[in-house]
Full PDB file with SEQRES, HELIX, SHEET, SSBOND, CRYST1, ORIGX, SCALE, CONECT and MASTER records, all heavy atoms in Angstrom:
SEQRES   1 A   45  VAL ALA LEU VAL GLY GLY PHE PRO SER THR ASP GLY GLN          
SEQRES   2 A   45  PRO TYR ALA ASP PHE PHE GLU THR ARG ASP GLY VAL MET          
SEQRES   3 A   45  PRO PHE PRO GLY TRP ASP PRO PHE GLU GLY PRO ASP SER          
SEQRES   4 A   45  ALA ASP LEU ASP GLU GLU                                      
HELIX    1 AA1 ASP A   32  PHE A   34  5                                   3    
CRYST1    1.000    1.000    1.000  90.00  90.00  90.00 P 1           1          
ORIGX1      1.000000  0.000000  0.000000        0.00000                         
ORIGX2      0.000000  1.000000  0.000000        0.00000                         
ORIGX3      0.000000  0.000000  1.000000        0.00000                         
SCALE1      1.000000  0.000000  0.000000        0.00000                         
SCALE2      0.000000  1.000000  0.000000        0.00000                         
SCALE3      0.000000  0.000000  1.000000        0.00000                         
ATOM      1  N   VAL A   1      17.701  11.797  -0.594  1.00  0.00           N  
ATOM      2  CA  VAL A   1      16.336  11.119  -0.671  1.00  0.00           C  
ATOM      3  C   VAL A   1      15.823  10.888   0.655  1.00  0.00           C  
ATOM      4  O   VAL A   1      16.573  10.523   1.617  1.00  0.00           O  
ATOM      5  CB  VAL A   1      16.627   9.760  -1.344  1.00  0.00           C  
ATOM      6  CG1 VAL A   1      15.300   8.844  -1.250  1.00  0.00           C  
ATOM      7  CG2 VAL A   1      16.997   9.925  -2.794  1.00  0.00           C  
ATOM      8  N   ALA A   2      14.607  11.136   0.844  1.00  0.00           N  
ATOM      9  CA  ALA A   2      13.785  10.967   2.141  1.00  0.00           C  
ATOM     10  C   ALA A   2      12.655   9.904   1.750  1.00  0.00           C  
ATOM     11  O   ALA A   2      11.919  10.186   0.936  1.00  0.00           O  
ATOM     12  CB  ALA A   2      13.277  12.204   2.639  1.00  0.00           C  
ATOM     13  N   LEU A   3      12.656   8.832   2.622  1.00  0.00           N  
ATOM     14  CA  LEU A   3      11.700   7.765   2.401  1.00  0.00           C  
ATOM     15  C   LEU A   3      10.776   7.732   3.612  1.00  0.00           C  
ATOM     16  O   LEU A   3      11.215   7.659   4.731  1.00  0.00           O  
ATOM     17  CB  LEU A   3      12.331   6.447   2.263  1.00  0.00           C  
ATOM     18  CG  LEU A   3      13.459   6.390   1.127  1.00  0.00           C  
ATOM     19  CD1 LEU A   3      14.003   4.900   1.048  1.00  0.00           C  
ATOM     20  CD2 LEU A   3      12.835   6.878  -0.226  1.00  0.00           C  
ATOM     21  N   VAL A   4       9.444   7.899   3.463  1.00  0.00           N  
ATOM     22  CA  VAL A   4       8.448   7.941   4.329  1.00  0.00           C  
ATOM     23  C   VAL A   4       7.623   6.709   4.451  1.00  0.00           C  
ATOM     24  O   VAL A   4       6.866   6.408   3.457  1.00  0.00           O  
ATOM     25  CB  VAL A   4       7.524   9.161   4.233  1.00  0.00           C  
ATOM     26  CG1 VAL A   4       6.458   9.238   5.445  1.00  0.00           C  
ATOM     27  CG2 VAL A   4       8.466  10.468   4.143  1.00  0.00           C  
ATOM     28  N   GLY A   5       7.815   5.814   5.440  1.00  0.00           N  
ATOM     29  CA  GLY A   5       6.929   4.670   5.580  1.00  0.00           C  
ATOM     30  C   GLY A   5       7.176   3.600   4.610  1.00  0.00           C  
ATOM     31  O   GLY A   5       6.200   2.879   4.203  1.00  0.00           O  
ATOM     32  N   GLY A   6       8.450   3.531   4.127  1.00  0.00           N  
ATOM     33  CA  GLY A   6       8.714   2.346   3.181  1.00  0.00           C  
ATOM     34  C   GLY A   6      10.218   2.212   2.804  1.00  0.00           C  
ATOM     35  O   GLY A   6      11.007   2.976   3.343  1.00  0.00           O  
ATOM     36  N   PHE A   7      10.455   1.275   1.960  1.00  0.00           N  
ATOM     37  CA  PHE A   7      11.914   0.988   1.541  1.00  0.00           C  
ATOM     38  C   PHE A   7      11.835   0.797   0.032  1.00  0.00           C  
ATOM     39  O   PHE A   7      10.913   0.301  -0.468  1.00  0.00           O  
ATOM     40  CB  PHE A   7      12.345  -0.220   2.331  1.00  0.00           C  
ATOM     41  CG  PHE A   7      12.305  -0.142   3.815  1.00  0.00           C  
ATOM     42  CD1 PHE A   7      11.216  -0.552   4.544  1.00  0.00           C  
ATOM     43  CD2 PHE A   7      13.419   0.445   4.519  1.00  0.00           C  
ATOM     44  CE1 PHE A   7      11.252  -0.491   5.926  1.00  0.00           C  
ATOM     45  CE2 PHE A   7      13.436   0.550   5.904  1.00  0.00           C  
ATOM     46  CZ  PHE A   7      12.350   0.049   6.569  1.00  0.00           C  
ATOM     47  N   PRO A   8      12.972   1.073  -0.534  1.00  0.00           N  
ATOM     48  CA  PRO A   8      13.067   0.847  -1.998  1.00  0.00           C  
ATOM     49  C   PRO A   8      13.138  -0.579  -2.426  1.00  0.00           C  
ATOM     50  O   PRO A   8      13.863  -1.310  -1.733  1.00  0.00           O  
ATOM     51  CB  PRO A   8      14.355   1.529  -2.441  1.00  0.00           C  
ATOM     52  CG  PRO A   8      15.198   1.657  -1.159  1.00  0.00           C  
ATOM     53  CD  PRO A   8      14.262   1.589  -0.053  1.00  0.00           C  
ATOM     54  N   SER A   9      12.388  -1.011  -3.450  1.00  0.00           N  
ATOM     55  CA  SER A   9      12.640  -2.330  -3.954  1.00  0.00           C  
ATOM     56  C   SER A   9      14.052  -2.422  -4.673  1.00  0.00           C  
ATOM     57  O   SER A   9      14.626  -1.456  -4.979  1.00  0.00           O  
ATOM     58  CB  SER A   9      11.444  -2.556  -4.977  1.00  0.00           C  
ATOM     59  OG  SER A   9      10.211  -2.475  -4.442  1.00  0.00           O  
ATOM     60  N   THR A  10      14.356  -3.706  -4.871  1.00  0.00           N  
ATOM     61  CA  THR A  10      15.627  -4.022  -5.536  1.00  0.00           C  
ATOM     62  C   THR A  10      15.455  -4.261  -6.951  1.00  0.00           C  
ATOM     63  O   THR A  10      14.314  -4.371  -7.528  1.00  0.00           O  
ATOM     64  CB  THR A  10      16.256  -5.250  -4.894  1.00  0.00           C  
ATOM     65  OG1 THR A  10      15.289  -6.361  -5.003  1.00  0.00           O  
ATOM     66  CG2 THR A  10      16.585  -4.991  -3.451  1.00  0.00           C  
ATOM     67  N   ASP A  11      16.542  -4.213  -7.742  1.00  0.00           N  
ATOM     68  CA  ASP A  11      16.488  -4.448  -9.168  1.00  0.00           C  
ATOM     69  C   ASP A  11      15.874  -5.798  -9.497  1.00  0.00           C  
ATOM     70  O   ASP A  11      16.087  -6.708  -8.891  1.00  0.00           O  
ATOM     71  CB  ASP A  11      17.954  -4.436  -9.752  1.00  0.00           C  
ATOM     72  CG  ASP A  11      17.953  -4.564 -11.129  1.00  0.00           C  
ATOM     73  OD1 ASP A  11      17.498  -3.631 -11.866  1.00  0.00           O  
ATOM     74  OD2 ASP A  11      18.568  -5.568 -11.663  1.00  0.00           O  
ATOM     75  N   GLY A  12      14.875  -5.700 -10.490  1.00  0.00           N  
ATOM     76  CA  GLY A  12      14.328  -6.892 -10.934  1.00  0.00           C  
ATOM     77  C   GLY A  12      12.970  -7.245 -10.144  1.00  0.00           C  
ATOM     78  O   GLY A  12      12.199  -8.132 -10.622  1.00  0.00           O  
ATOM     79  N   GLN A  13      12.657  -6.576  -9.104  1.00  0.00           N  
ATOM     80  CA  GLN A  13      11.493  -6.749  -8.349  1.00  0.00           C  
ATOM     81  C   GLN A  13      10.302  -6.037  -9.037  1.00  0.00           C  
ATOM     82  O   GLN A  13      10.479  -4.968  -9.667  1.00  0.00           O  
ATOM     83  CB  GLN A  13      11.486  -6.319  -6.973  1.00  0.00           C  
ATOM     84  CG  GLN A  13      12.394  -7.131  -6.048  1.00  0.00           C  
ATOM     85  CD  GLN A  13      12.312  -6.824  -4.575  1.00  0.00           C  
ATOM     86  OE1 GLN A  13      12.333  -5.600  -4.357  1.00  0.00           O  
ATOM     87  NE2 GLN A  13      12.289  -7.779  -3.687  1.00  0.00           N  
ATOM     88  N   PRO A  14       9.062  -6.490  -8.865  1.00  0.00           N  
ATOM     89  CA  PRO A  14       7.845  -5.702  -9.123  1.00  0.00           C  
ATOM     90  C   PRO A  14       7.869  -4.386  -8.338  1.00  0.00           C  
ATOM     91  O   PRO A  14       8.247  -4.500  -7.214  1.00  0.00           O  
ATOM     92  CB  PRO A  14       6.631  -6.557  -8.884  1.00  0.00           C  
ATOM     93  CG  PRO A  14       7.148  -7.901  -8.770  1.00  0.00           C  
ATOM     94  CD  PRO A  14       8.670  -7.845  -8.345  1.00  0.00           C  
ATOM     95  N   TYR A  15       7.349  -3.309  -8.975  1.00  0.00           N  
ATOM     96  CA  TYR A  15       7.243  -2.116  -8.212  1.00  0.00           C  
ATOM     97  C   TYR A  15       6.493  -2.148  -6.991  1.00  0.00           C  
ATOM     98  O   TYR A  15       6.831  -1.793  -5.827  1.00  0.00           O  
ATOM     99  CB  TYR A  15       6.784  -0.926  -9.189  1.00  0.00           C  
ATOM    100  CG  TYR A  15       6.457   0.368  -8.488  1.00  0.00           C  
ATOM    101  CD1 TYR A  15       7.513   1.091  -7.850  1.00  0.00           C  
ATOM    102  CD2 TYR A  15       5.269   0.847  -8.545  1.00  0.00           C  
ATOM    103  CE1 TYR A  15       7.286   2.361  -7.195  1.00  0.00           C  
ATOM    104  CE2 TYR A  15       5.016   2.152  -7.853  1.00  0.00           C  
ATOM    105  CZ  TYR A  15       6.004   2.863  -7.250  1.00  0.00           C  
ATOM    106  OH  TYR A  15       5.722   3.967  -6.681  1.00  0.00           O  
ATOM    107  N   ALA A  16       5.210  -2.583  -7.154  1.00  0.00           N  
ATOM    108  CA  ALA A  16       4.202  -2.520  -6.071  1.00  0.00           C  
ATOM    109  C   ALA A  16       3.116  -3.416  -6.189  1.00  0.00           C  
ATOM    110  O   ALA A  16       1.890  -3.050  -6.115  1.00  0.00           O  
ATOM    111  CB  ALA A  16       3.746  -1.142  -5.651  1.00  0.00           C  
ATOM    112  N   ASP A  17       3.354  -4.711  -6.546  1.00  0.00           N  
ATOM    113  CA  ASP A  17       2.277  -5.713  -6.869  1.00  0.00           C  
ATOM    114  C   ASP A  17       1.796  -6.302  -5.599  1.00  0.00           C  
ATOM    115  O   ASP A  17       1.907  -7.479  -5.326  1.00  0.00           O  
ATOM    116  CB  ASP A  17       2.924  -6.756  -7.814  1.00  0.00           C  
ATOM    117  CG  ASP A  17       1.885  -7.607  -8.462  1.00  0.00           C  
ATOM    118  OD1 ASP A  17       0.703  -7.179  -8.323  1.00  0.00           O  
ATOM    119  OD2 ASP A  17       2.203  -8.714  -9.030  1.00  0.00           O  
ATOM    120  N   PHE A  18       1.139  -5.448  -4.733  1.00  0.00           N  
ATOM    121  CA  PHE A  18       0.713  -5.777  -3.457  1.00  0.00           C  
ATOM    122  C   PHE A  18      -0.720  -6.252  -3.390  1.00  0.00           C  
ATOM    123  O   PHE A  18      -1.079  -7.019  -2.479  1.00  0.00           O  
ATOM    124  CB  PHE A  18       0.875  -4.635  -2.473  1.00  0.00           C  
ATOM    125  CG  PHE A  18       2.248  -4.064  -2.452  1.00  0.00           C  
ATOM    126  CD1 PHE A  18       2.442  -2.679  -2.292  1.00  0.00           C  
ATOM    127  CD2 PHE A  18       3.375  -4.845  -2.506  1.00  0.00           C  
ATOM    128  CE1 PHE A  18       3.732  -2.096  -2.201  1.00  0.00           C  
ATOM    129  CE2 PHE A  18       4.665  -4.334  -2.446  1.00  0.00           C  
ATOM    130  CZ  PHE A  18       4.763  -2.900  -2.361  1.00  0.00           C  
ATOM    131  N   PHE A  19      -1.499  -5.811  -4.212  1.00  0.00           N  
ATOM    132  CA  PHE A  19      -3.065  -6.014  -4.070  1.00  0.00           C  
ATOM    133  C   PHE A  19      -3.654  -6.447  -5.462  1.00  0.00           C  
ATOM    134  O   PHE A  19      -2.947  -6.356  -6.514  1.00  0.00           O  
ATOM    135  CB  PHE A  19      -3.712  -4.769  -3.653  1.00  0.00           C  
ATOM    136  CG  PHE A  19      -3.303  -4.290  -2.267  1.00  0.00           C  
ATOM    137  CD1 PHE A  19      -2.327  -3.154  -2.293  1.00  0.00           C  
ATOM    138  CD2 PHE A  19      -3.652  -4.882  -1.117  1.00  0.00           C  
ATOM    139  CE1 PHE A  19      -1.898  -2.708  -1.075  1.00  0.00           C  
ATOM    140  CE2 PHE A  19      -3.108  -4.392   0.119  1.00  0.00           C  
ATOM    141  CZ  PHE A  19      -2.209  -3.296   0.115  1.00  0.00           C  
ATOM    142  N   GLU A  20      -4.805  -6.980  -5.398  1.00  0.00           N  
ATOM    143  CA  GLU A  20      -5.432  -7.474  -6.631  1.00  0.00           C  
ATOM    144  C   GLU A  20      -5.715  -6.391  -7.651  1.00  0.00           C  
ATOM    145  O   GLU A  20      -6.116  -5.225  -7.239  1.00  0.00           O  
ATOM    146  CB  GLU A  20      -6.760  -8.088  -6.204  1.00  0.00           C  
ATOM    147  CG  GLU A  20      -7.562  -8.645  -7.366  1.00  0.00           C  
ATOM    148  CD  GLU A  20      -9.017  -9.267  -6.936  1.00  0.00           C  
ATOM    149  OE1 GLU A  20      -9.275  -9.093  -5.722  1.00  0.00           O  
ATOM    150  OE2 GLU A  20      -9.702  -9.623  -7.765  1.00  0.00           O  
ATOM    151  N   THR A  21      -5.554  -6.747  -8.890  1.00  0.00           N  
ATOM    152  CA  THR A  21      -5.920  -5.720  -9.916  1.00  0.00           C  
ATOM    153  C   THR A  21      -7.216  -6.348 -10.615  1.00  0.00           C  
ATOM    154  O   THR A  21      -7.427  -7.457 -10.732  1.00  0.00           O  
ATOM    155  CB  THR A  21      -4.786  -5.673 -11.021  1.00  0.00           C  
ATOM    156  OG1 THR A  21      -4.510  -7.013 -11.495  1.00  0.00           O  
ATOM    157  CG2 THR A  21      -3.511  -5.123 -10.387  1.00  0.00           C  
ATOM    158  N   ARG A  22      -8.044  -5.434 -11.072  1.00  0.00           N  
ATOM    159  CA  ARG A  22      -9.294  -5.677 -11.689  1.00  0.00           C  
ATOM    160  C   ARG A  22      -9.490  -4.724 -12.832  1.00  0.00           C  
ATOM    161  O   ARG A  22      -9.349  -3.525 -12.731  1.00  0.00           O  
ATOM    162  CB  ARG A  22     -10.475  -5.639 -10.813  1.00  0.00           C  
ATOM    163  CG  ARG A  22     -10.407  -6.558  -9.558  1.00  0.00           C  
ATOM    164  CD  ARG A  22     -11.808  -6.683  -8.824  1.00  0.00           C  
ATOM    165  NE  ARG A  22     -12.230  -5.391  -8.409  1.00  0.00           N  
ATOM    166  CZ  ARG A  22     -11.985  -4.919  -7.197  1.00  0.00           C  
ATOM    167  NH1 ARG A  22     -11.175  -5.565  -6.348  1.00  0.00           N  
ATOM    168  NH2 ARG A  22     -12.443  -3.706  -6.785  1.00  0.00           N  
ATOM    169  N   ASP A  23      -9.951  -5.315 -13.970  1.00  0.00           N  
ATOM    170  CA  ASP A  23     -10.164  -4.457 -15.208  1.00  0.00           C  
ATOM    171  C   ASP A  23      -9.002  -3.338 -15.534  1.00  0.00           C  
ATOM    172  O   ASP A  23      -9.254  -2.332 -15.833  1.00  0.00           O  
ATOM    173  CB  ASP A  23     -11.481  -3.627 -14.963  1.00  0.00           C  
ATOM    174  CG  ASP A  23     -12.629  -4.555 -14.742  1.00  0.00           C  
ATOM    175  OD1 ASP A  23     -12.687  -5.599 -15.365  1.00  0.00           O  
ATOM    176  OD2 ASP A  23     -13.462  -4.240 -13.809  1.00  0.00           O  
ATOM    177  N   GLY A  24      -7.764  -3.993 -15.294  1.00  0.00           N  
ATOM    178  CA  GLY A  24      -6.671  -3.193 -15.669  1.00  0.00           C  
ATOM    179  C   GLY A  24      -6.192  -2.095 -14.699  1.00  0.00           C  
ATOM    180  O   GLY A  24      -5.232  -1.399 -15.006  1.00  0.00           O  
ATOM    181  N   VAL A  25      -6.739  -2.111 -13.428  1.00  0.00           N  
ATOM    182  CA  VAL A  25      -6.257  -1.239 -12.482  1.00  0.00           C  
ATOM    183  C   VAL A  25      -6.166  -1.978 -11.119  1.00  0.00           C  
ATOM    184  O   VAL A  25      -6.749  -3.013 -10.870  1.00  0.00           O  
ATOM    185  CB  VAL A  25      -7.203  -0.077 -12.384  1.00  0.00           C  
ATOM    186  CG1 VAL A  25      -7.291   0.813 -13.590  1.00  0.00           C  
ATOM    187  CG2 VAL A  25      -8.696  -0.412 -11.915  1.00  0.00           C  
ATOM    188  N   MET A  26      -5.403  -1.273 -10.288  1.00  0.00           N  
ATOM    189  CA  MET A  26      -5.304  -1.659  -8.864  1.00  0.00           C  
ATOM    190  C   MET A  26      -6.132  -0.755  -8.001  1.00  0.00           C  
ATOM    191  O   MET A  26      -5.676   0.335  -7.724  1.00  0.00           O  
ATOM    192  CB  MET A  26      -3.876  -1.851  -8.321  1.00  0.00           C  
ATOM    193  CG  MET A  26      -3.837  -2.197  -6.866  1.00  0.00           C  
ATOM    194  SD  MET A  26      -2.085  -2.267  -6.352  1.00  0.00           S  
ATOM    195  CE  MET A  26      -1.443  -3.683  -7.165  1.00  0.00           C  
ATOM    196  N   PRO A  27      -7.399  -1.085  -7.621  1.00  0.00           N  
ATOM    197  CA  PRO A  27      -8.203  -0.139  -6.872  1.00  0.00           C  
ATOM    198  C   PRO A  27      -7.703  -0.154  -5.343  1.00  0.00           C  
ATOM    199  O   PRO A  27      -7.117  -1.118  -4.880  1.00  0.00           O  
ATOM    200  CB  PRO A  27      -9.626  -0.719  -6.978  1.00  0.00           C  
ATOM    201  CG  PRO A  27      -9.493  -2.130  -7.262  1.00  0.00           C  
ATOM    202  CD  PRO A  27      -8.214  -2.351  -7.988  1.00  0.00           C  
ATOM    203  N   PHE A  28      -8.119   0.853  -4.599  1.00  0.00           N  
ATOM    204  CA  PHE A  28      -7.845   0.896  -3.265  1.00  0.00           C  
ATOM    205  C   PHE A  28      -8.658  -0.249  -2.657  1.00  0.00           C  
ATOM    206  O   PHE A  28      -9.827  -0.499  -2.777  1.00  0.00           O  
ATOM    207  CB  PHE A  28      -8.371   2.241  -2.639  1.00  0.00           C  
ATOM    208  CG  PHE A  28      -8.227   2.305  -1.133  1.00  0.00           C  
ATOM    209  CD1 PHE A  28      -6.977   2.157  -0.537  1.00  0.00           C  
ATOM    210  CD2 PHE A  28      -9.384   2.494  -0.321  1.00  0.00           C  
ATOM    211  CE1 PHE A  28      -6.918   2.265   0.899  1.00  0.00           C  
ATOM    212  CE2 PHE A  28      -9.262   2.600   1.022  1.00  0.00           C  
ATOM    213  CZ  PHE A  28      -7.979   2.471   1.665  1.00  0.00           C  
ATOM    214  N   PRO A  29      -7.934  -1.099  -1.798  1.00  0.00           N  
ATOM    215  CA  PRO A  29      -8.590  -2.375  -1.353  1.00  0.00           C  
ATOM    216  C   PRO A  29      -9.437  -2.139  -0.136  1.00  0.00           C  
ATOM    217  O   PRO A  29      -9.940  -3.201   0.493  1.00  0.00           O  
ATOM    218  CB  PRO A  29      -7.363  -3.252  -1.008  1.00  0.00           C  
ATOM    219  CG  PRO A  29      -6.362  -2.266  -0.601  1.00  0.00           C  
ATOM    220  CD  PRO A  29      -6.576  -1.019  -1.455  1.00  0.00           C  
ATOM    221  N   GLY A  30      -9.733  -1.070   0.338  1.00  0.00           N  
ATOM    222  CA  GLY A  30     -10.375  -0.812   1.571  1.00  0.00           C  
ATOM    223  C   GLY A  30      -9.410  -0.814   2.771  1.00  0.00           C  
ATOM    224  O   GLY A  30      -8.245  -0.998   2.636  1.00  0.00           O  
ATOM    225  N   TRP A  31      -9.951  -0.619   3.993  1.00  0.00           N  
ATOM    226  CA  TRP A  31      -9.115  -0.506   5.075  1.00  0.00           C  
ATOM    227  C   TRP A  31      -8.673  -1.737   5.824  1.00  0.00           C  
ATOM    228  O   TRP A  31      -7.701  -1.753   6.672  1.00  0.00           O  
ATOM    229  CB  TRP A  31      -9.829   0.416   6.141  1.00  0.00           C  
ATOM    230  CG  TRP A  31      -9.920   1.799   5.640  1.00  0.00           C  
ATOM    231  CD1 TRP A  31     -11.017   2.462   5.118  1.00  0.00           C  
ATOM    232  CD2 TRP A  31      -8.758   2.710   5.427  1.00  0.00           C  
ATOM    233  NE1 TRP A  31     -10.601   3.796   4.727  1.00  0.00           N  
ATOM    234  CE2 TRP A  31      -9.250   3.903   4.884  1.00  0.00           C  
ATOM    235  CE3 TRP A  31      -7.404   2.616   5.615  1.00  0.00           C  
ATOM    236  CZ2 TRP A  31      -8.482   5.002   4.624  1.00  0.00           C  
ATOM    237  CZ3 TRP A  31      -6.572   3.595   5.297  1.00  0.00           C  
ATOM    238  CH2 TRP A  31      -7.073   4.889   4.728  1.00  0.00           C  
ATOM    239  N   ASP A  32      -9.349  -2.932   5.471  1.00  0.00           N  
ATOM    240  CA  ASP A  32      -8.939  -4.176   6.163  1.00  0.00           C  
ATOM    241  C   ASP A  32      -7.535  -4.468   6.117  1.00  0.00           C  
ATOM    242  O   ASP A  32      -6.916  -4.943   7.062  1.00  0.00           O  
ATOM    243  CB  ASP A  32      -9.843  -5.382   5.580  1.00  0.00           C  
ATOM    244  CG  ASP A  32     -11.253  -5.211   6.062  1.00  0.00           C  
ATOM    245  OD1 ASP A  32     -11.581  -4.524   6.913  1.00  0.00           O  
ATOM    246  OD2 ASP A  32     -12.082  -6.086   5.471  1.00  0.00           O  
ATOM    247  N   PRO A  33      -6.846  -4.373   4.927  1.00  0.00           N  
ATOM    248  CA  PRO A  33      -5.436  -4.743   4.961  1.00  0.00           C  
ATOM    249  C   PRO A  33      -4.560  -3.794   5.723  1.00  0.00           C  
ATOM    250  O   PRO A  33      -3.452  -4.089   6.058  1.00  0.00           O  
ATOM    251  CB  PRO A  33      -5.034  -4.678   3.459  1.00  0.00           C  
ATOM    252  CG  PRO A  33      -6.330  -4.729   2.673  1.00  0.00           C  
ATOM    253  CD  PRO A  33      -7.297  -4.094   3.637  1.00  0.00           C  
ATOM    254  N   PHE A  34      -5.119  -2.687   6.135  1.00  0.00           N  
ATOM    255  CA  PHE A  34      -4.239  -1.656   6.837  1.00  0.00           C  
ATOM    256  C   PHE A  34      -4.735  -1.455   8.325  1.00  0.00           C  
ATOM    257  O   PHE A  34      -4.314  -0.543   8.964  1.00  0.00           O  
ATOM    258  CB  PHE A  34      -4.337  -0.329   6.146  1.00  0.00           C  
ATOM    259  CG  PHE A  34      -3.982  -0.368   4.718  1.00  0.00           C  
ATOM    260  CD1 PHE A  34      -4.994  -0.276   3.740  1.00  0.00           C  
ATOM    261  CD2 PHE A  34      -2.679  -0.482   4.430  1.00  0.00           C  
ATOM    262  CE1 PHE A  34      -4.571  -0.300   2.300  1.00  0.00           C  
ATOM    263  CE2 PHE A  34      -2.293  -0.579   3.043  1.00  0.00           C  
ATOM    264  CZ  PHE A  34      -3.207  -0.438   2.036  1.00  0.00           C  
ATOM    265  N   GLU A  35      -5.495  -2.410   8.811  1.00  0.00           N  
ATOM    266  CA  GLU A  35      -5.868  -2.295  10.203  1.00  0.00           C  
ATOM    267  C   GLU A  35      -4.687  -2.507  11.138  1.00  0.00           C  
ATOM    268  O   GLU A  35      -3.840  -3.338  10.828  1.00  0.00           O  
ATOM    269  CB  GLU A  35      -6.934  -3.311  10.575  1.00  0.00           C  
ATOM    270  CG  GLU A  35      -8.366  -2.887   9.995  1.00  0.00           C  
ATOM    271  CD  GLU A  35      -8.890  -1.575  10.397  1.00  0.00           C  
ATOM    272  OE1 GLU A  35      -8.561  -1.098  11.540  1.00  0.00           O  
ATOM    273  OE2 GLU A  35      -9.451  -0.878   9.550  1.00  0.00           O  
ATOM    274  N   GLY A  36      -4.672  -1.765  12.253  1.00  0.00           N  
ATOM    275  CA  GLY A  36      -3.517  -1.892  13.071  1.00  0.00           C  
ATOM    276  C   GLY A  36      -2.745  -0.632  13.077  1.00  0.00           C  
ATOM    277  O   GLY A  36      -3.233   0.475  12.833  1.00  0.00           O  
ATOM    278  N   PRO A  37      -1.349  -0.671  13.281  1.00  0.00           N  
ATOM    279  CA  PRO A  37      -0.559   0.490  13.305  1.00  0.00           C  
ATOM    280  C   PRO A  37      -0.602   1.393  12.014  1.00  0.00           C  
ATOM    281  O   PRO A  37      -0.472   2.558  12.173  1.00  0.00           O  
ATOM    282  CB  PRO A  37       0.906  -0.059  13.512  1.00  0.00           C  
ATOM    283  CG  PRO A  37       0.615  -1.405  14.135  1.00  0.00           C  
ATOM    284  CD  PRO A  37      -0.644  -1.953  13.542  1.00  0.00           C  
ATOM    285  N   ASP A  38      -0.881   0.770  10.831  1.00  0.00           N  
ATOM    286  CA  ASP A  38      -0.962   1.666   9.709  1.00  0.00           C  
ATOM    287  C   ASP A  38      -1.942   2.734   9.700  1.00  0.00           C  
ATOM    288  O   ASP A  38      -1.708   3.775   9.310  1.00  0.00           O  
ATOM    289  CB  ASP A  38      -1.219   0.736   8.447  1.00  0.00           C  
ATOM    290  CG  ASP A  38      -0.127  -0.071   7.964  1.00  0.00           C  
ATOM    291  OD1 ASP A  38       0.996   0.157   8.412  1.00  0.00           O  
ATOM    292  OD2 ASP A  38      -0.297  -0.883   7.058  1.00  0.00           O  
ATOM    293  N   SER A  39      -3.132   2.357  10.304  1.00  0.00           N  
ATOM    294  CA  SER A  39      -4.264   3.401  10.290  1.00  0.00           C  
ATOM    295  C   SER A  39      -4.888   3.694  11.627  1.00  0.00           C  
ATOM    296  O   SER A  39      -5.985   4.355  11.646  1.00  0.00           O  
ATOM    297  CB  SER A  39      -5.403   2.645   9.355  1.00  0.00           C  
ATOM    298  OG  SER A  39      -5.837   1.473   9.861  1.00  0.00           O  
ATOM    299  N   ALA A  40      -4.164   3.281  12.581  1.00  0.00           N  
ATOM    300  CA  ALA A  40      -4.760   3.563  14.013  1.00  0.00           C  
ATOM    301  C   ALA A  40      -5.019   5.056  14.266  1.00  0.00           C  
ATOM    302  O   ALA A  40      -5.930   5.428  15.091  1.00  0.00           O  
ATOM    303  CB  ALA A  40      -3.837   2.999  15.042  1.00  0.00           C  
ATOM    304  N   ASP A  41      -4.271   5.936  13.616  1.00  0.00           N  
ATOM    305  CA  ASP A  41      -4.433   7.348  13.896  1.00  0.00           C  
ATOM    306  C   ASP A  41      -5.412   8.015  12.884  1.00  0.00           C  
ATOM    307  O   ASP A  41      -5.456   9.290  13.008  1.00  0.00           O  
ATOM    308  CB  ASP A  41      -3.035   8.022  13.897  1.00  0.00           C  
ATOM    309  CG  ASP A  41      -2.296   8.010  12.564  1.00  0.00           C  
ATOM    310  OD1 ASP A  41      -2.676   6.977  11.760  1.00  0.00           O  
ATOM    311  OD2 ASP A  41      -1.477   8.779  12.357  1.00  0.00           O  
ATOM    312  N   LEU A  42      -6.019   7.327  12.068  1.00  0.00           N  
ATOM    313  CA  LEU A  42      -6.888   7.923  11.054  1.00  0.00           C  
ATOM    314  C   LEU A  42      -8.328   7.936  11.613  1.00  0.00           C  
ATOM    315  O   LEU A  42      -8.876   6.821  11.948  1.00  0.00           O  
ATOM    316  CB  LEU A  42      -6.885   7.222   9.799  1.00  0.00           C  
ATOM    317  CG  LEU A  42      -5.599   7.224   8.869  1.00  0.00           C  
ATOM    318  CD1 LEU A  42      -5.676   6.274   7.689  1.00  0.00           C  
ATOM    319  CD2 LEU A  42      -5.186   8.612   8.528  1.00  0.00           C  
ATOM    320  N   ASP A  43      -9.004   8.970  11.754  1.00  0.00           N  
ATOM    321  CA  ASP A  43     -10.398   9.092  12.246  1.00  0.00           C  
ATOM    322  C   ASP A  43     -11.247   8.629  10.970  1.00  0.00           C  
ATOM    323  O   ASP A  43     -10.898   8.639   9.893  1.00  0.00           O  
ATOM    324  CB  ASP A  43     -10.687  10.363  12.746  1.00  0.00           C  
ATOM    325  CG  ASP A  43     -10.526  11.589  11.823  1.00  0.00           C  
ATOM    326  OD1 ASP A  43     -10.684  11.360  10.625  1.00  0.00           O  
ATOM    327  OD2 ASP A  43     -10.308  12.742  12.271  1.00  0.00           O  
ATOM    328  N   GLU A  44     -12.533   8.500  11.323  1.00  0.00           N  
ATOM    329  CA  GLU A  44     -13.469   8.008  10.285  1.00  0.00           C  
ATOM    330  C   GLU A  44     -13.644   9.061   9.262  1.00  0.00           C  
ATOM    331  O   GLU A  44     -13.797   8.676   8.027  1.00  0.00           O  
ATOM    332  CB  GLU A  44     -14.837   7.619  10.970  1.00  0.00           C  
ATOM    333  CG  GLU A  44     -14.877   6.488  11.810  1.00  0.00           C  
ATOM    334  CD  GLU A  44     -14.389   5.262  11.047  1.00  0.00           C  
ATOM    335  OE1 GLU A  44     -14.809   5.073   9.891  1.00  0.00           O  
ATOM    336  OE2 GLU A  44     -13.563   4.439  11.611  1.00  0.00           O  
ATOM    337  N   GLU A  45     -13.627  10.330   9.527  1.00  0.00           N  
ATOM    338  CA  GLU A  45     -13.782  11.265   8.510  1.00  0.00           C  
ATOM    339  C   GLU A  45     -12.559  11.222   7.477  1.00  0.00           C  
ATOM    340  O   GLU A  45     -12.827  11.231   6.212  1.00  0.00           O  
ATOM    341  CB  GLU A  45     -13.839  12.699   9.094  1.00  0.00           C  
ATOM    342  CG  GLU A  45     -13.927  13.782   7.985  1.00  0.00           C  
ATOM    343  CD  GLU A  45     -13.903  15.277   8.656  1.00  0.00           C  
ATOM    344  OE1 GLU A  45     -13.883  15.323   9.848  1.00  0.00           O  
ATOM    345  OE2 GLU A  45     -13.870  16.243   7.892  1.00  0.00           O  
TER     346      GLU A  45                                                      
MASTER        0    0    0    1    0    0    0    6  345    1    0    4          
END                                                                             
């Protein structure tokens, strides 16, 4: 197993309940939550 940029959750935890859900889906929340090291190497395009 190779894990890139993350760690596995433990038994009994939610899979990825990180952001708000609306109308039954979790949309991309925009770049604000990822400012800093997460997205520093991403250009505007």
